[in-house]
Amino acid sequence: ELSAASGDTDDAKALKAELATAEARLASAERELVAFQAELAEASAKHAAFERSLRDERSRVERAAHERRVIEDQLAELDDGTAGADALEALREGLALAEERSAIAEEGIAEARLAVEMARDREAQVAGPAAELERRAQRLDTEAQTLAKLAAAPTDGPWQGVIETITVSKGYEAALAAALGE
């Protein structure tokens, strides 16, 4: 019985050591997960900012296009002879300014599209490892909980833990460990 009790103590120590190792791996995986989640959040925030920038640039282009149409309509009226030469020149200057603004806005849209695409690519790069770390952390957490339950099995009362009731003859410890999946 003395060897059985020392075997139980060795098994409990082994389980506790395995539990500590699993908890350390879990903590490491959780730290990595937090880092990836922070990076993913940053990439998502940049993505949202680029999307807003793209919407703003599109709105500017629409306003510039509207201004251009108004000026072209006014120019058409002037060409019909309904207004003076001075007004025609002012409208032409306005048209040139609207065209310049439109070109600038289109450049801004192109830059915003590129930035959005880059943000989407970065977000996709970060999302994969973050999801893998999430799964790994969940698996390690489950393993740690299971090991904790095995190590903390009740020793009093009518129900004892399975590990505490197993006695192994000297020399068969390794075979039992292999059979139990260690």
Protein backbone atom coordinates (compact mmCIF):
# COMPACT_ATOMS: atom_id res chain seq x y z
CA GLU A 1 0.00 0.00 0.00
CA LEU A 2 2.91 2.32 0.59
CA SER A 3 4.02 1.97 -3.04
CA ALA A 4 0.42 2.58 -4.19
CA ALA A 5 0.21 5.76 -2.11
CA SER A 6 3.54 6.99 -3.45
CA GLY A 7 2.34 6.09 -6.98
CA ASP A 8 -0.79 8.16 -6.37
CA THR A 9 1.35 11.05 -5.20
CA ASP A 10 3.58 10.70 -8.27
CA ASP A 11 0.50 10.62 -10.51
CA ALA A 12 -0.94 13.69 -8.80
CA LYS A 13 2.41 15.48 -9.15
CA ALA A 14 2.58 14.53 -12.81
CA LEU A 15 -0.97 15.78 -13.36
CA LYS A 16 -0.20 19.02 -11.56
CA ALA A 17 2.97 19.49 -13.60
CA GLU A 18 1.03 18.82 -16.79
CA LEU A 19 -1.67 21.23 -15.63
CA ALA A 20 0.93 23.93 -14.95
CA THR A 21 2.47 23.38 -18.39
CA ALA A 22 -0.94 23.57 -20.05
CA GLU A 23 -1.80 26.75 -18.12
CA ALA A 24 1.51 28.32 -19.17
CA ARG A 25 0.84 27.44 -22.80
CA LEU A 26 -2.68 28.82 -22.45
CA ALA A 27 -1.40 32.08 -20.98
CA SER A 28 1.12 32.42 -23.81
CA ALA A 29 -1.54 31.73 -26.43
CA GLU A 30 -3.89 34.23 -24.79
CA ARG A 31 -1.16 36.91 -24.85
CA GLU A 32 -0.60 36.24 -28.55
CA LEU A 33 -4.36 36.33 -29.13
CA VAL A 34 -4.67 39.70 -27.37
CA ALA A 35 -1.85 41.10 -29.51
CA PHE A 36 -3.47 39.86 -32.72
CA GLN A 37 -6.87 41.14 -31.63
CA ALA A 38 -5.35 44.57 -30.98
CA GLU A 39 -3.72 44.53 -34.39
CA LEU A 40 -6.99 43.40 -35.98
CA ALA A 41 -8.88 46.19 -34.19
CA GLU A 42 -6.33 48.73 -35.42
CA ALA A 43 -6.60 47.41 -38.98
CA SER A 44 -10.41 47.51 -38.75
CA ALA A 45 -10.31 51.10 -37.49
CA LYS A 46 -8.01 52.12 -40.35
CA HIS A 47 -10.29 50.30 -42.77
CA ALA A 48 -13.31 52.21 -41.46
CA ALA A 49 -11.42 55.51 -41.70
CA PHE A 50 -10.46 54.77 -45.29
CA GLU A 51 -14.06 53.86 -46.10
CA ARG A 52 -15.21 57.22 -44.67
CA SER A 53 -12.50 58.99 -46.66
CA LEU A 54 -13.62 57.21 -49.81
CA ARG A 55 -17.26 58.24 -49.20
CA ASP A 56 -16.16 61.86 -48.63
CA GLU A 57 -14.14 61.88 -51.83
CA ARG A 58 -17.07 60.44 -53.77
CA SER A 59 -19.30 63.15 -52.35
CA ARG A 60 -16.82 65.82 -53.43
CA VAL A 61 -16.72 64.38 -56.94
CA GLU A 62 -20.52 64.40 -57.10
CA ARG A 63 -20.64 68.03 -55.95
CA ALA A 64 -17.97 69.00 -58.48
CA ALA A 65 -19.87 67.18 -61.25
CA HIS A 66 -23.05 68.99 -60.22
CA GLU A 67 -21.26 72.35 -60.29
CA ARG A 68 -19.88 71.49 -63.70
CA ARG A 69 -23.36 70.66 -65.05
CA VAL A 70 -24.74 73.93 -63.69
CA ILE A 71 -21.92 75.90 -65.26
CA GLU A 72 -22.27 74.08 -68.56
CA ASP A 73 -25.99 74.85 -68.55
CA GLN A 74 -25.22 78.49 -67.89
CA LEU A 75 -22.64 78.48 -70.66
CA ALA A 76 -25.19 77.00 -73.04
CA GLU A 77 -27.60 79.81 -72.17
CA LEU A 78 -24.84 82.34 -72.80
CA ASP A 79 -24.05 80.79 -76.14
CA ASP A 80 -27.71 81.29 -77.02
CA GLY A 81 -27.13 85.01 -76.52
CA THR A 82 -29.16 85.40 -73.34
CA ALA A 83 -26.28 86.89 -71.29
CA GLY A 84 -23.29 89.19 -71.78
CA ALA A 85 -19.66 88.46 -72.65
CA ASP A 86 -18.43 89.27 -69.13
CA ALA A 87 -20.76 86.74 -67.60
CA LEU A 88 -19.59 84.19 -70.17
CA GLU A 89 -15.96 84.69 -69.20
CA ALA A 90 -16.79 84.36 -65.48
CA LEU A 91 -18.65 81.16 -66.19
CA ARG A 92 -15.73 79.78 -68.19
CA GLU A 93 -13.42 80.52 -65.28
CA GLY A 94 -15.90 78.81 -62.97
CA LEU A 95 -15.98 75.80 -65.28
CA ALA A 96 -12.19 75.60 -65.31
CA LEU A 97 -12.14 75.78 -61.52
CA ALA A 98 -14.82 73.07 -61.26
CA GLU A 99 -12.86 70.84 -63.64
CA GLU A 100 -9.72 71.36 -61.56
CA ARG A 101 -11.59 70.48 -58.36
CA SER A 102 -13.07 67.45 -60.04
CA ALA A 103 -9.60 66.22 -61.07
CA ILE A 104 -8.30 66.72 -57.53
CA ALA A 105 -11.29 64.87 -56.10
CA GLU A 106 -10.78 61.99 -58.52
CA GLU A 107 -7.13 61.74 -57.45
CA GLY A 108 -8.29 61.66 -53.84
CA ILE A 109 -10.72 58.85 -54.66
CA ALA A 110 -7.97 56.84 -56.32
CA GLU A 111 -5.74 57.28 -53.26
CA ALA A 112 -8.60 56.39 -50.91
CA ARG A 113 -9.40 53.26 -52.92
CA LEU A 114 -5.78 52.17 -52.72
CA ALA A 115 -5.70 52.83 -48.99
CA VAL A 116 -8.94 50.87 -48.48
CA GLU A 117 -7.56 47.96 -50.46
CA MET A 118 -4.36 47.99 -48.42
CA ALA A 119 -6.37 48.09 -45.19
CA ARG A 120 -8.51 45.16 -46.35
CA ASP A 121 -5.39 43.16 -47.21
CA ARG A 122 -3.85 43.89 -43.80
CA GLU A 123 -7.10 43.01 -42.06
CA ALA A 124 -7.21 39.69 -43.92
CA GLN A 125 -3.59 38.98 -42.97
CA VAL A 126 -4.29 39.57 -39.29
CA ALA A 127 -7.65 37.81 -39.13
CA GLY A 128 -6.28 34.35 -40.04
CA PRO A 129 -3.62 34.11 -37.30
CA ALA A 130 -5.99 35.67 -34.78
CA ALA A 131 -8.65 33.03 -35.47
CA GLU A 132 -6.05 30.25 -35.23
CA LEU A 133 -4.82 31.59 -31.90
CA GLU A 134 -8.41 31.83 -30.67
CA ARG A 135 -8.97 28.14 -31.48
CA ARG A 136 -5.65 27.21 -29.92
CA ALA A 137 -6.45 29.15 -26.76
CA GLN A 138 -9.86 27.47 -26.49
CA ARG A 139 -8.29 24.03 -26.94
CA LEU A 140 -5.64 24.75 -24.31
CA ASP A 141 -8.24 26.15 -21.94
CA THR A 142 -10.34 23.00 -22.29
CA GLU A 143 -7.27 20.85 -21.71
CA ALA A 144 -6.31 22.86 -18.63
CA GLN A 145 -9.83 22.59 -17.20
CA THR A 146 -9.88 18.84 -17.79
CA LEU A 147 -6.50 18.38 -16.14
CA ALA A 148 -7.58 20.56 -13.25
CA LYS A 149 -10.65 18.38 -12.72
CA LEU A 150 -8.52 15.26 -12.76
CA ALA A 151 -5.97 16.71 -10.37
CA ALA A 152 -8.60 18.11 -8.01
CA ALA A 153 -10.75 14.99 -7.76
CA PRO A 154 -12.39 14.66 -4.32
CA THR A 155 -10.53 12.43 -1.90
CA ASP A 156 -13.15 12.35 0.84
CA GLY A 157 -16.61 10.86 0.83
CA PRO A 158 -17.82 7.75 -0.92
CA TRP A 159 -16.60 8.85 -4.38
CA GLN A 160 -12.91 9.01 -5.02
CA GLY A 161 -11.16 10.01 -8.19
CA VAL A 162 -10.33 7.26 -10.64
CA ILE A 163 -6.62 8.00 -10.58
CA GLU A 164 -6.50 7.64 -6.83
CA THR A 165 -7.99 4.16 -6.93
CA ILE A 166 -5.51 2.80 -9.47
CA THR A 167 -2.52 0.96 -8.11
CA VAL A 168 0.34 -0.04 -10.36
CA SER A 169 3.08 -2.53 -9.73
CA LYS A 170 6.60 -1.28 -10.03
CA GLY A 171 7.77 -1.20 -13.64
CA TYR A 172 4.30 -0.78 -15.17
CA GLU A 173 3.99 2.96 -14.59
CA ALA A 174 5.10 3.84 -18.13
CA ALA A 175 2.67 1.35 -19.68
CA LEU A 176 -0.22 2.81 -17.65
CA ALA A 177 0.79 6.35 -18.62
CA ALA A 178 0.78 5.33 -22.30
CA ALA A 179 -2.60 3.66 -21.93
CA LEU A 180 -4.07 6.80 -20.31
CA GLY A 181 -2.79 8.93 -23.13
CA GLU A 182 0.19 10.62 -21.54
